[in-house]
Amino acid sequence: MSTRHRLIDNTIALIRRGVGSASVSEILELSGVARRTLCLNFPDGKPALVAVCR
C-alpha cells in the first residue's frame, strides 16, 4: 500500500469519530509517516486530506 493510501485509510478510520477529533499528530502516528510526508502528498495539509476522504 502506498503512503498516500495509508494516510487516507487511517484518516478515514479516525474521522469516523469526528473530523475535529482527528489531529494531524494522530494521523501521522497511526500511519507511521513524518509530517513532511503528509505535506508532500497533501500540500494543503489536513483539509486536503480530509477532502479526499469524504
Protein backbone atom coordinates (compact mmCIF):
# COMPACT_ATOMS: atom_id res chain seq x y z
CA MET A 1 0.00 0.00 0.00
CA SER A 2 1.35 3.43 -0.89
CA THR A 3 2.00 6.06 1.74
CA ARG A 4 -0.76 8.22 0.28
CA HIS A 5 -3.29 5.38 0.58
CA ARG A 6 -2.12 4.61 4.12
CA LEU A 7 -2.71 8.24 5.10
CA ILE A 8 -6.17 8.19 3.53
CA ASP A 9 -7.20 4.87 5.12
CA ASN A 10 -6.04 5.90 8.57
CA THR A 11 -7.67 9.31 8.29
CA ILE A 12 -10.98 7.70 7.37
CA ALA A 13 -10.72 5.49 10.45
CA LEU A 14 -10.04 8.48 12.69
CA ILE A 15 -12.65 10.88 11.29
CA ARG A 16 -15.41 8.37 11.94
CA ARG A 17 -15.41 9.84 15.46
CA GLY A 18 -15.45 13.36 14.02
CA VAL A 19 -13.13 15.46 11.89
CA GLY A 20 -12.25 17.75 14.77
CA SER A 21 -11.18 14.88 16.97
CA ALA A 22 -8.68 13.53 14.42
CA SER A 23 -5.50 15.51 14.95
CA VAL A 24 -2.70 15.64 12.41
CA SER A 25 -0.38 14.13 15.02
CA GLU A 26 -2.72 11.16 15.47
CA ILE A 27 -2.99 10.64 11.72
CA LEU A 28 0.79 10.71 11.34
CA GLU A 29 1.39 8.38 14.28
CA LEU A 30 -1.20 5.84 13.12
CA SER A 31 0.12 5.99 9.55
CA GLY A 32 3.74 5.78 10.62
CA VAL A 33 4.85 8.71 8.49
CA ALA A 34 6.62 12.02 9.08
CA ARG A 35 4.89 15.39 8.85
CA ARG A 36 6.95 16.14 5.72
CA THR A 37 5.38 13.11 4.02
CA LEU A 38 1.92 14.50 4.69
CA CYS A 39 2.97 17.84 3.22
CA LEU A 40 4.43 16.19 0.12
CA ASN A 41 1.28 14.15 -0.53
CA PHE A 42 -1.22 16.81 0.57
CA PRO A 43 0.34 20.29 0.23
CA ASP A 44 -2.74 21.95 1.77
CA GLY A 45 -2.47 19.73 4.86
CA LYS A 46 -5.33 18.20 6.81
CA PRO A 47 -8.13 19.97 4.89
CA ALA A 48 -6.91 18.47 1.61
CA LEU A 49 -6.53 15.03 3.18
CA VAL A 50 -10.00 15.13 4.70
CA ALA A 51 -11.49 16.32 1.39
CA VAL A 52 -10.13 13.20 -0.33
CA CYS A 53 -11.61 11.01 2.41
CA ARG A 54 -15.16 12.28 2.01
